[in-house]
């Protein structure tokens, strides 16, 4: 019979709170405390650790959840947040364009209109370039959590350090070919969409520059 997840969590929390402070326990000791197999105990402890480390602080009110504080949200740039906002609101094409929240009505967001997202009658939706950035952000956050990696927590620094350089290069080259965007961020404000990319680190051999 499959165990109820709520019962498992409640049991885990109860037993963890009965253990002594400032004392180290190995998994063999804990499996006896929890009356579980070693592998199961190890898995539950890992799950609890990941939740403790990466889960946003939130409130539950009936059937509604309010996110109060998120480590990841605080390091995202305004453009990264806006891309996530449009994706979460299903603004993926012109037919599903949405009026934006007033907090996104600023010059930084306007810089990438026509590149990361389009504006139609004061409504916004993601372009293919914007969707590529969403996938990269999703992959970066997934990689950090699944592999339990450390990441830069400086506010609004973006997830540049978390995204593999080869991935950034592939995105840049693809966007450049599909959207006719020059690679030099100093001469093309559109390229500086959300990551402070160093153009010298991007291999553009064999690709012509369109000015």
C-alpha atoms as a PDB file:
ATOM      1  CA  UNK A   1       0.000   0.000   0.000  1.00  0.00           C
ATOM      2  CA  UNK A   2       1.356   3.375  -1.013  1.00  0.00           C
ATOM      3  CA  UNK A   3       2.165   5.680   1.886  1.00  0.00           C
ATOM      4  CA  UNK A   4       0.516   9.072   2.178  1.00  0.00           C
ATOM      5  CA  UNK A   5       3.109  11.808   1.409  1.00  0.00           C
ATOM      6  CA  UNK A   6       1.663  14.021   4.157  1.00  0.00           C
ATOM      7  CA  UNK A   7       2.064  11.235   6.690  1.00  0.00           C
ATOM      8  CA  UNK A   8       5.678  10.700   5.606  1.00  0.00           C
ATOM      9  CA  UNK A   9       6.511  14.404   5.912  1.00  0.00           C
ATOM     10  CA  UNK A  10       4.792  14.749   9.283  1.00  0.00           C
ATOM     11  CA  UNK A  11       6.621  11.708  10.591  1.00  0.00           C
ATOM     12  CA  UNK A  12       9.959  13.026   9.301  1.00  0.00           C
ATOM     13  CA  UNK A  13       9.428  16.457  10.874  1.00  0.00           C
ATOM     14  CA  UNK A  14       8.367  14.940  14.176  1.00  0.00           C
ATOM     15  CA  UNK A  15      11.365  12.647  14.415  1.00  0.00           C
ATOM     16  CA  UNK A  16      13.857  15.310  13.314  1.00  0.00           C
ATOM     17  CA  UNK A  17      12.573  17.656  15.997  1.00  0.00           C
ATOM     18  CA  UNK A  18      13.049  14.970  18.639  1.00  0.00           C
ATOM     19  CA  UNK A  19      16.786  14.694  17.900  1.00  0.00           C
ATOM     20  CA  UNK A  20      19.376  16.554  19.970  1.00  0.00           C
ATOM     21  CA  UNK A  21      20.744  19.911  18.823  1.00  0.00           C
ATOM     22  CA  UNK A  22      24.436  20.266  17.912  1.00  0.00           C
ATOM     23  CA  UNK A  23      24.959  16.540  17.547  1.00  0.00           C
ATOM     24  CA  UNK A  24      25.833  14.749  14.337  1.00  0.00           C
ATOM     25  CA  UNK A  25      23.859  11.665  13.342  1.00  0.00           C
ATOM     26  CA  UNK A  26      24.799   9.235  10.596  1.00  0.00           C
ATOM     27  CA  UNK A  27      22.219   7.644   8.323  1.00  0.00           C
ATOM     28  CA  UNK A  28      22.481   4.304  10.139  1.00  0.00           C
ATOM     29  CA  UNK A  29      21.453   6.000  13.383  1.00  0.00           C
ATOM     30  CA  UNK A  30      18.635   7.901  11.689  1.00  0.00           C
ATOM     31  CA  UNK A  31      17.201   4.849   9.957  1.00  0.00           C
ATOM     32  CA  UNK A  32      16.734   3.294  13.377  1.00  0.00           C
ATOM     33  CA  UNK A  33      15.059   6.465  14.654  1.00  0.00           C
ATOM     34  CA  UNK A  34      12.788   6.625  11.614  1.00  0.00           C
ATOM     35  CA  UNK A  35      12.235   2.848  11.348  1.00  0.00           C
ATOM     36  CA  UNK A  36      13.014   2.996   7.615  1.00  0.00           C
ATOM     37  CA  UNK A  37      15.523   1.442   5.238  1.00  0.00           C
ATOM     38  CA  UNK A  38      18.910   3.192   4.832  1.00  0.00           C
ATOM     39  CA  UNK A  39      18.235   4.287   1.224  1.00  0.00           C
ATOM     40  CA  UNK A  40      14.772   5.619   2.099  1.00  0.00           C
ATOM     41  CA  UNK A  41      16.090   7.524   5.109  1.00  0.00           C
ATOM     42  CA  UNK A  42      18.915   9.010   3.052  1.00  0.00           C
ATOM     43  CA  UNK A  43      16.468  10.085   0.340  1.00  0.00           C
ATOM     44  CA  UNK A  44      14.089  11.775   2.803  1.00  0.00           C
ATOM     45  CA  UNK A  45      16.945  13.624   4.501  1.00  0.00           C
ATOM     46  CA  UNK A  46      18.170  14.845   1.103  1.00  0.00           C
ATOM     47  CA  UNK A  47      14.681  16.012   0.155  1.00  0.00           C
ATOM     48  CA  UNK A  48      14.360  17.910   3.448  1.00  0.00           C
ATOM     49  CA  UNK A  49      17.773  19.501   2.909  1.00  0.00           C
ATOM     50  CA  UNK A  50      16.939  20.644  -0.632  1.00  0.00           C
ATOM     51  CA  UNK A  51      13.596  22.103   0.473  1.00  0.00           C
ATOM     52  CA  UNK A  52      15.283  23.894   3.355  1.00  0.00           C
ATOM     53  CA  UNK A  53      17.954  25.274   1.031  1.00  0.00           C
ATOM     54  CA  UNK A  54      16.031  26.214  -2.118  1.00  0.00           C
ATOM     55  CA  UNK A  55      12.320  26.442  -1.332  1.00  0.00           C
ATOM     56  CA  UNK A  56      10.894  29.989  -1.374  1.00  0.00           C
ATOM     57  CA  UNK A  57       9.300  31.350   1.797  1.00  0.00           C
ATOM     58  CA  UNK A  58       5.553  31.296   1.176  1.00  0.00           C
ATOM     59  CA  UNK A  59       2.146  31.618   2.805  1.00  0.00           C
ATOM     60  CA  UNK A  60      -0.832  29.330   2.248  1.00  0.00           C
ATOM     61  CA  UNK A  61      -4.303  30.786   2.536  1.00  0.00           C
ATOM     62  CA  UNK A  62      -6.925  28.193   1.698  1.00  0.00           C
ATOM     63  CA  UNK A  63      -6.285  27.177  -1.909  1.00  0.00           C
ATOM     64  CA  UNK A  64      -3.957  30.137  -2.581  1.00  0.00           C
ATOM     65  CA  UNK A  65      -0.181  30.321  -2.241  1.00  0.00           C
ATOM     66  CA  UNK A  66       1.739  33.579  -1.948  1.00  0.00           C
ATOM     67  CA  UNK A  67       5.510  33.595  -2.530  1.00  0.00           C
ATOM     68  CA  UNK A  68       7.078  36.042  -0.071  1.00  0.00           C
ATOM     69  CA  UNK A  69      10.773  35.531  -0.646  1.00  0.00           C
ATOM     70  CA  UNK A  70      12.747  33.548  -3.211  1.00  0.00           C
ATOM     71  CA  UNK A  71      16.536  33.269  -3.461  1.00  0.00           C
ATOM     72  CA  UNK A  72      16.307  32.810  -7.207  1.00  0.00           C
ATOM     73  CA  UNK A  73      13.912  35.700  -7.835  1.00  0.00           C
ATOM     74  CA  UNK A  74      16.194  38.070  -5.932  1.00  0.00           C
ATOM     75  CA  UNK A  75      19.197  37.366  -8.160  1.00  0.00           C
ATOM     76  CA  UNK A  76      17.293  37.640 -11.447  1.00  0.00           C
ATOM     77  CA  UNK A  77      17.582  40.774 -13.548  1.00  0.00           C
ATOM     78  CA  UNK A  78      14.438  42.737 -14.427  1.00  0.00           C
ATOM     79  CA  UNK A  79      14.440  41.241 -17.919  1.00  0.00           C
ATOM     80  CA  UNK A  80      14.810  37.716 -16.587  1.00  0.00           C
ATOM     81  CA  UNK A  81      11.883  38.320 -14.242  1.00  0.00           C
ATOM     82  CA  UNK A  82       9.803  39.749 -17.076  1.00  0.00           C
ATOM     83  CA  UNK A  83      10.510  36.748 -19.315  1.00  0.00           C
ATOM     84  CA  UNK A  84       9.388  34.429 -16.496  1.00  0.00           C
ATOM     85  CA  UNK A  85       6.335  36.624 -15.865  1.00  0.00           C
ATOM     86  CA  UNK A  86       5.206  36.430 -19.501  1.00  0.00           C
ATOM     87  CA  UNK A  87       5.834  32.679 -19.648  1.00  0.00           C
ATOM     88  CA  UNK A  88       3.917  32.014 -16.421  1.00  0.00           C
ATOM     89  CA  UNK A  89       1.019  34.087 -17.766  1.00  0.00           C
ATOM     90  CA  UNK A  90       1.040  32.000 -20.993  1.00  0.00           C
ATOM     91  CA  UNK A  91       1.823  35.074 -23.107  1.00  0.00           C
ATOM     92  CA  UNK A  92       3.560  32.930 -25.714  1.00  0.00           C
ATOM     93  CA  UNK A  93       2.128  34.432 -28.906  1.00  0.00           C
ATOM     94  CA  UNK A  94       0.239  37.436 -30.213  1.00  0.00           C
ATOM     95  CA  UNK A  95      -3.173  35.851 -29.575  1.00  0.00           C
ATOM     96  CA  UNK A  96      -2.306  35.465 -25.895  1.00  0.00           C
ATOM     97  CA  UNK A  97      -0.606  38.827 -25.348  1.00  0.00           C
ATOM     98  CA  UNK A  98      -1.256  40.412 -21.944  1.00  0.00           C
ATOM     99  CA  UNK A  99      -1.278  43.861 -20.383  1.00  0.00           C
ATOM    100  CA  UNK A 100       1.728  44.015 -18.082  1.00  0.00           C
ATOM    101  CA  UNK A 101       1.882  44.667 -14.382  1.00  0.00           C
ATOM    102  CA  UNK A 102       2.922  48.276 -13.664  1.00  0.00           C
ATOM    103  CA  UNK A 103       6.113  47.120 -11.926  1.00  0.00           C
ATOM    104  CA  UNK A 104       7.463  46.116 -15.336  1.00  0.00           C
ATOM    105  CA  UNK A 105       6.731  49.481 -16.962  1.00  0.00           C
ATOM    106  CA  UNK A 106      10.315  50.748 -17.008  1.00  0.00           C
ATOM    107  CA  UNK A 107      13.107  51.632 -19.428  1.00  0.00           C
ATOM    108  CA  UNK A 108      15.072  48.413 -18.850  1.00  0.00           C
ATOM    109  CA  UNK A 109      12.115  46.325 -19.992  1.00  0.00           C
ATOM    110  CA  UNK A 110      11.443  48.609 -22.964  1.00  0.00           C
ATOM    111  CA  UNK A 111      15.004  48.084 -24.236  1.00  0.00           C
ATOM    112  CA  UNK A 112      14.203  44.540 -25.385  1.00  0.00           C
ATOM    113  CA  UNK A 113      10.810  45.149 -27.023  1.00  0.00           C
ATOM    114  CA  UNK A 114      10.941  43.557 -30.455  1.00  0.00           C
ATOM    115  CA  UNK A 115      13.673  41.175 -29.369  1.00  0.00           C
ATOM    116  CA  UNK A 116      12.824  39.158 -26.265  1.00  0.00           C
ATOM    117  CA  UNK A 117       9.160  40.102 -26.404  1.00  0.00           C
ATOM    118  CA  UNK A 118       6.819  41.997 -28.683  1.00  0.00           C
ATOM    119  CA  UNK A 119       4.335  44.721 -27.864  1.00  0.00           C
ATOM    120  CA  UNK A 120       0.982  44.867 -29.583  1.00  0.00           C
ATOM    121  CA  UNK A 121      -1.641  47.439 -28.569  1.00  0.00           C
ATOM    122  CA  UNK A 122      -0.017  47.839 -25.131  1.00  0.00           C
ATOM    123  CA  UNK A 123       0.039  44.070 -24.642  1.00  0.00           C
ATOM    124  CA  UNK A 124       3.145  41.876 -24.522  1.00  0.00           C
ATOM    125  CA  UNK A 125       4.094  38.348 -25.539  1.00  0.00           C
ATOM    126  CA  UNK A 126       7.342  36.388 -25.787  1.00  0.00           C
ATOM    127  CA  UNK A 127       9.315  36.042 -29.006  1.00  0.00           C
ATOM    128  CA  UNK A 128      11.247  32.879 -29.888  1.00  0.00           C
ATOM    129  CA  UNK A 129      14.353  34.542 -28.446  1.00  0.00           C
ATOM    130  CA  UNK A 130      12.495  35.171 -25.183  1.00  0.00           C
ATOM    131  CA  UNK A 131      11.349  31.546 -25.055  1.00  0.00           C
ATOM    132  CA  UNK A 132      14.973  30.434 -25.543  1.00  0.00           C
ATOM    133  CA  UNK A 133      15.962  32.552 -22.561  1.00  0.00           C
ATOM    134  CA  UNK A 134      13.170  31.009 -20.470  1.00  0.00           C
ATOM    135  CA  UNK A 135      14.432  27.526 -21.315  1.00  0.00           C
ATOM    136  CA  UNK A 136      17.963  28.536 -20.338  1.00  0.00           C
ATOM    137  CA  UNK A 137      16.766  29.966 -17.020  1.00  0.00           C
ATOM    138  CA  UNK A 138      14.707  26.852 -16.361  1.00  0.00           C
ATOM    139  CA  UNK A 139      17.701  24.621 -17.168  1.00  0.00           C
ATOM    140  CA  UNK A 140      20.009  26.719 -14.963  1.00  0.00           C
ATOM    141  CA  UNK A 141      17.705  26.592 -11.934  1.00  0.00           C
ATOM    142  CA  UNK A 142      17.033  22.876 -12.479  1.00  0.00           C
ATOM    143  CA  UNK A 143      20.782  22.187 -12.679  1.00  0.00           C
ATOM    144  CA  UNK A 144      21.480  24.123  -9.466  1.00  0.00           C
ATOM    145  CA  UNK A 145      18.779  22.307  -7.470  1.00  0.00           C
ATOM    146  CA  UNK A 146      19.206  18.778  -8.865  1.00  0.00           C
ATOM    147  CA  UNK A 147      22.988  18.917  -8.499  1.00  0.00           C
ATOM    148  CA  UNK A 148      22.871  20.975  -5.295  1.00  0.00           C
ATOM    149  CA  UNK A 149      25.233  23.629  -6.637  1.00  0.00           C
ATOM    150  CA  UNK A 150      26.242  26.873  -5.029  1.00  0.00           C
ATOM    151  CA  UNK A 151      25.209  29.984  -6.929  1.00  0.00           C
ATOM    152  CA  UNK A 152      25.786  33.717  -6.814  1.00  0.00           C
ATOM    153  CA  UNK A 153      23.294  35.356  -4.457  1.00  0.00           C
ATOM    154  CA  UNK A 154      24.074  38.985  -5.253  1.00  0.00           C
ATOM    155  CA  UNK A 155      20.767  40.716  -5.923  1.00  0.00           C
ATOM    156  CA  UNK A 156      19.890  41.237  -9.597  1.00  0.00           C
ATOM    157  CA  UNK A 157      23.170  39.685 -10.749  1.00  0.00           C
ATOM    158  CA  UNK A 158      21.320  37.284 -13.024  1.00  0.00           C
ATOM    159  CA  UNK A 159      22.022  33.611 -13.540  1.00  0.00           C
ATOM    160  CA  UNK A 160      25.016  34.159 -15.815  1.00  0.00           C
ATOM    161  CA  UNK A 161      27.372  32.127 -13.640  1.00  0.00           C
ATOM    162  CA  UNK A 162      24.907  29.254 -13.505  1.00  0.00           C
ATOM    163  CA  UNK A 163      24.511  28.841 -17.265  1.00  0.00           C
ATOM    164  CA  UNK A 164      27.155  26.837 -19.068  1.00  0.00           C
ATOM    165  CA  UNK A 165      29.232  28.994 -21.437  1.00  0.00           C
ATOM    166  CA  UNK A 166      28.652  26.567 -24.329  1.00  0.00           C
ATOM    167  CA  UNK A 167      24.899  26.945 -23.816  1.00  0.00           C
ATOM    168  CA  UNK A 168      25.175  30.749 -23.897  1.00  0.00           C
ATOM    169  CA  UNK A 169      27.257  30.520 -27.073  1.00  0.00           C
ATOM    170  CA  UNK A 170      24.716  28.301 -28.815  1.00  0.00           C
ATOM    171  CA  UNK A 171      21.862  30.648 -27.858  1.00  0.00           C
ATOM    172  CA  UNK A 172      23.777  33.708 -29.049  1.00  0.00           C
ATOM    173  CA  UNK A 173      24.682  32.152 -32.399  1.00  0.00           C
ATOM    174  CA  UNK A 174      21.151  30.845 -32.942  1.00  0.00           C
ATOM    175  CA  UNK A 175      19.605  34.226 -32.091  1.00  0.00           C
ATOM    176  CA  UNK A 176      22.136  36.019 -34.261  1.00  0.00           C
ATOM    177  CA  UNK A 177      21.337  33.868 -37.280  1.00  0.00           C
ATOM    178  CA  UNK A 178      17.557  33.866 -36.805  1.00  0.00           C
ATOM    179  CA  UNK A 179      17.122  37.486 -35.731  1.00  0.00           C
ATOM    180  CA  UNK A 180      19.983  39.201 -37.598  1.00  0.00           C
ATOM    181  CA  UNK A 181      21.451  40.607 -34.357  1.00  0.00           C
ATOM    182  CA  UNK A 182      25.074  41.748 -34.171  1.00  0.00           C
ATOM    183  CA  UNK A 183      27.244  40.052 -31.578  1.00  0.00           C
ATOM    184  CA  UNK A 184      28.955  43.135 -30.130  1.00  0.00           C
ATOM    185  CA  UNK A 185      26.943  44.240 -27.103  1.00  0.00           C
ATOM    186  CA  UNK A 186      28.647  47.660 -27.133  1.00  0.00           C
ATOM    187  CA  UNK A 187      27.094  48.470 -30.510  1.00  0.00           C
ATOM    188  CA  UNK A 188      23.895  46.530 -30.090  1.00  0.00           C
ATOM    189  CA  UNK A 189      21.767  47.268 -27.005  1.00  0.00           C
ATOM    190  CA  UNK A 190      19.467  44.436 -28.033  1.00  0.00           C
ATOM    191  CA  UNK A 191      22.212  41.876 -27.458  1.00  0.00           C
ATOM    192  CA  UNK A 192      22.576  43.008 -23.872  1.00  0.00           C
ATOM    193  CA  UNK A 193      19.183  41.442 -23.242  1.00  0.00           C
ATOM    194  CA  UNK A 194      19.800  40.179 -19.753  1.00  0.00           C
ATOM    195  CA  UNK A 195      23.239  38.654 -19.361  1.00  0.00           C
ATOM    196  CA  UNK A 196      26.420  40.787 -19.217  1.00  0.00           C
ATOM    197  CA  UNK A 197      27.928  38.676 -22.006  1.00  0.00           C
ATOM    198  CA  UNK A 198      31.604  39.185 -22.780  1.00  0.00           C
ATOM    199  CA  UNK A 199      31.644  39.133 -26.584  1.00  0.00           C
ATOM    200  CA  UNK A 200      35.357  38.152 -26.564  1.00  0.00           C
ATOM    201  CA  UNK A 201      34.465  34.818 -24.945  1.00  0.00           C
ATOM    202  CA  UNK A 202      32.006  33.909 -27.716  1.00  0.00           C
ATOM    203  CA  UNK A 203      33.368  31.994 -30.695  1.00  0.00           C
ATOM    204  CA  UNK A 204      31.906  33.611 -33.817  1.00  0.00           C
ATOM    205  CA  UNK A 205      34.281  32.104 -36.371  1.00  0.00           C
ATOM    206  CA  UNK A 206      32.545  31.275 -39.599  1.00  0.00           C
ATOM    207  CA  UNK A 207      29.609  33.554 -38.858  1.00  0.00           C
ATOM    208  CA  UNK A 208      29.348  36.891 -40.596  1.00  0.00           C
ATOM    209  CA  UNK A 209      28.418  39.991 -38.635  1.00  0.00           C
ATOM    210  CA  UNK A 210      25.271  41.770 -39.808  1.00  0.00           C
ATOM    211  CA  UNK A 211      25.410  45.481 -39.062  1.00  0.00           C
END
